[in-house]
Amino acid sequence: MAEYRDAQARHSRHGYQADIVNDCEDTGKTFAIGGRLDAPTQQAIAGIPATAWKTYADCAVAETLHSMNETRKAFRLIVVKYRRQAELFADAPKYHVIVSNRVASTADTLICYRQRGETSENGIKELKIGFGMERMPCGQFAANAAFFSASASSSTTCSCCSSTPL
């Protein structure tokens, strides 16, 4: 049986690790990973010229090259700058950074990054809301495990039936 490998990696900022970036580069995976606003990242942001920022309705976006001490290659540092409502009259914007090696446009890379948990999070939400899984029924592990197993099986059966034409 052939081994399946995902061609892309999307992580929150907890995946912002040199080992993950290096592994993606070594295995040919594209990645979009939320970064941390550590001192080197803030220095890179400060070095972005004012003319490089593309303004949207709710934010501004720019990018530059960046690397970590342990990464073997530089990567794109996409910076999203926005103001929170409480900071409308302050000069300190809030930044969110994404590191990537994707060759797609900045907008497409942001869209890809923002979809990182969409499928699994929606599945968990549907399981909890649709099958009464917001709370477990009692304080006994075995009973809760049986309840969870029955609810998960029901969810799987319903999703199979709804996607299969009769």
Protein backbone atom coordinates (compact mmCIF):
# COMPACT_ATOMS: atom_id res chain seq x y z
CA MET A 1 0.00 0.00 0.00
CA ALA A 2 1.37 3.42 -0.94
CA GLU A 3 2.06 5.87 1.85
CA TYR A 4 -0.11 8.99 1.76
CA ARG A 5 1.51 12.33 2.52
CA ASP A 6 -0.33 15.61 2.87
CA ALA A 7 1.13 18.16 0.48
CA GLN A 8 0.48 21.10 2.78
CA ALA A 9 0.68 21.97 6.45
CA ARG A 10 -1.40 24.59 8.23
CA HIS A 11 -0.77 25.26 11.90
CA SER A 12 -1.63 27.83 14.53
CA ARG A 13 1.23 29.68 16.21
CA HIS A 14 2.02 26.56 18.26
CA GLY A 15 3.42 25.06 15.06
CA TYR A 16 5.88 27.94 14.67
CA GLN A 17 8.94 25.78 15.25
CA ALA A 18 12.11 25.41 13.23
CA ASP A 19 11.76 21.61 13.17
CA ILE A 20 8.32 21.84 11.56
CA VAL A 21 9.44 24.42 9.00
CA ASN A 22 12.55 22.37 8.16
CA ASP A 23 10.50 19.16 7.87
CA CYS A 24 8.07 20.84 5.47
CA GLU A 25 10.95 22.10 3.36
CA ASP A 26 12.70 18.70 3.41
CA THR A 27 9.56 16.77 2.40
CA GLY A 28 8.34 19.26 -0.22
CA LYS A 29 5.26 20.37 1.71
CA THR A 30 3.92 23.87 1.47
CA PHE A 31 3.11 25.48 4.78
CA ALA A 32 1.20 28.37 6.31
CA ILE A 33 1.90 28.65 10.02
CA GLY A 34 0.89 31.32 12.50
CA GLY A 35 4.00 33.00 13.84
CA ARG A 36 4.95 34.55 17.16
CA LEU A 37 5.66 38.21 17.68
CA ASP A 38 9.09 37.69 19.20
CA ALA A 39 11.81 40.36 19.01
CA PRO A 40 13.27 39.28 15.60
CA THR A 41 9.77 39.16 14.09
CA GLN A 42 9.00 42.63 15.44
CA GLN A 43 12.28 43.89 13.95
CA ALA A 44 11.29 42.44 10.58
CA ILE A 45 7.89 44.15 10.81
CA ALA A 46 9.53 47.47 11.69
CA GLY A 47 11.66 47.13 8.55
CA ILE A 48 8.66 46.91 6.21
CA PRO A 49 8.37 50.20 4.29
CA ALA A 50 5.08 52.11 4.51
CA THR A 51 4.59 51.72 0.75
CA ALA A 52 4.57 47.90 1.03
CA TRP A 53 1.29 47.77 2.98
CA LYS A 54 -1.82 46.91 0.98
CA THR A 55 -4.92 48.32 2.67
CA TYR A 56 -8.20 46.44 2.95
CA ALA A 57 -11.45 47.45 4.67
CA ASP A 58 -10.50 46.04 8.08
CA CYS A 59 -6.73 45.58 7.92
CA ALA A 60 -3.49 46.16 6.05
CA VAL A 61 -1.23 43.37 4.78
CA ALA A 62 2.45 43.30 3.85
CA GLU A 63 5.16 40.70 3.60
CA THR A 64 8.88 40.31 3.88
CA LEU A 65 11.44 37.49 4.11
CA HIS A 66 12.31 36.07 7.50
CA SER A 67 14.03 33.08 9.10
CA MET A 68 14.55 31.54 12.51
CA ASN A 69 17.99 30.71 13.88
CA GLU A 70 17.51 26.98 13.27
CA THR A 71 15.74 27.08 9.88
CA ARG A 72 17.80 26.21 6.85
CA LYS A 73 15.87 28.47 4.47
CA ALA A 74 14.20 31.86 4.67
CA PHE A 75 10.41 31.98 4.32
CA ARG A 76 7.69 34.52 3.66
CA LEU A 77 6.54 36.50 6.66
CA ILE A 78 3.03 37.75 5.95
CA VAL A 79 1.99 40.47 8.37
CA VAL A 80 -1.63 41.46 8.99
CA LYS A 81 -1.99 44.80 10.74
CA TYR A 82 -5.32 45.85 12.20
CA ARG A 83 -6.80 47.97 14.90
CA ARG A 84 -9.11 46.65 17.54
CA GLN A 85 -12.12 48.81 18.30
CA ALA A 86 -10.76 49.76 21.71
CA GLU A 87 -7.60 51.08 20.00
CA LEU A 88 -9.20 53.31 17.37
CA PHE A 89 -7.58 56.41 18.82
CA ALA A 90 -4.25 54.81 19.72
CA ASP A 91 -1.26 54.54 17.42
CA ALA A 92 -0.42 50.95 18.36
CA PRO A 93 -1.83 48.51 15.80
CA LYS A 94 -2.20 44.81 16.50
CA TYR A 95 -0.21 42.42 14.31
CA HIS A 96 -0.78 38.82 13.31
CA VAL A 97 1.94 37.03 11.36
CA ILE A 98 1.90 33.96 9.15
CA VAL A 99 5.04 32.26 7.87
CA SER A 100 4.80 30.42 4.57
CA ASN A 101 6.68 28.95 1.66
CA ARG A 102 3.63 28.98 -0.63
CA VAL A 103 4.08 30.61 -4.02
CA ALA A 104 0.43 31.66 -4.15
CA SER A 105 -0.55 35.28 -3.70
CA THR A 106 -0.64 36.80 -0.24
CA ALA A 107 -4.46 36.82 -0.29
CA ASP A 108 -4.65 33.15 -1.31
CA THR A 109 -2.14 32.18 1.37
CA LEU A 110 -4.20 34.01 4.02
CA ILE A 111 -7.36 32.23 2.85
CA CYS A 112 -5.57 28.87 3.03
CA TYR A 113 -4.23 29.62 6.51
CA ARG A 114 -7.63 30.69 7.82
CA GLN A 115 -9.18 27.38 6.72
CA ARG A 116 -6.80 25.32 8.87
CA GLY A 117 -9.39 24.01 11.33
CA GLU A 118 -12.59 24.56 9.40
CA THR A 119 -13.58 20.95 8.71
CA SER A 120 -12.69 19.44 12.07
CA GLU A 121 -14.06 22.32 14.12
CA ASN A 122 -17.38 22.25 12.27
CA GLY A 123 -17.59 18.48 12.75
CA ILE A 124 -17.04 18.83 16.48
CA LYS A 125 -19.64 21.61 16.68
CA GLU A 126 -22.21 19.50 14.80
CA LEU A 127 -21.51 16.52 17.03
CA LYS A 128 -21.92 18.58 20.19
CA ILE A 129 -25.04 20.48 19.14
CA GLY A 130 -26.78 17.89 16.99
CA PHE A 131 -26.30 14.88 19.25
CA GLY A 132 -26.45 16.34 22.75
CA MET A 133 -22.72 16.16 23.37
CA GLU A 134 -22.39 19.56 25.07
CA ARG A 135 -22.13 17.76 28.42
CA MET A 136 -21.44 14.21 29.44
CA PRO A 137 -24.34 12.69 31.41
CA CYS A 138 -22.51 11.71 34.61
CA GLY A 139 -19.22 11.66 36.45
CA GLN A 140 -18.30 8.05 35.62
CA PHE A 141 -15.73 7.59 32.89
CA ALA A 142 -17.07 4.27 31.54
CA ALA A 143 -20.64 5.55 31.30
CA ASN A 144 -19.51 8.76 29.58
CA ALA A 145 -17.36 6.73 27.16
CA ALA A 146 -20.37 4.58 26.23
CA PHE A 147 -22.53 7.69 25.75
CA PHE A 148 -19.85 9.33 23.60
CA SER A 149 -19.36 6.19 21.51
CA ALA A 150 -23.11 5.83 20.85
CA SER A 151 -23.44 9.52 19.94
CA ALA A 152 -20.39 9.45 17.64
CA SER A 153 -21.75 6.32 15.91
CA SER A 154 -25.12 8.01 15.44
CA SER A 155 -23.42 11.08 14.00
CA THR A 156 -21.39 8.97 11.57
CA THR A 157 -24.48 7.02 10.47
CA CYS A 158 -26.47 10.20 9.92
CA SER A 159 -23.70 11.88 7.94
CA CYS A 160 -23.29 8.79 5.73
CA CYS A 161 -27.03 8.59 5.09
CA SER A 162 -27.32 12.29 4.32
CA SER A 163 -24.49 12.20 1.75
CA THR A 164 -25.55 8.96 0.05
CA PRO A 165 -28.45 9.14 -2.42
CA LEU A 166 -31.19 6.64 -1.63
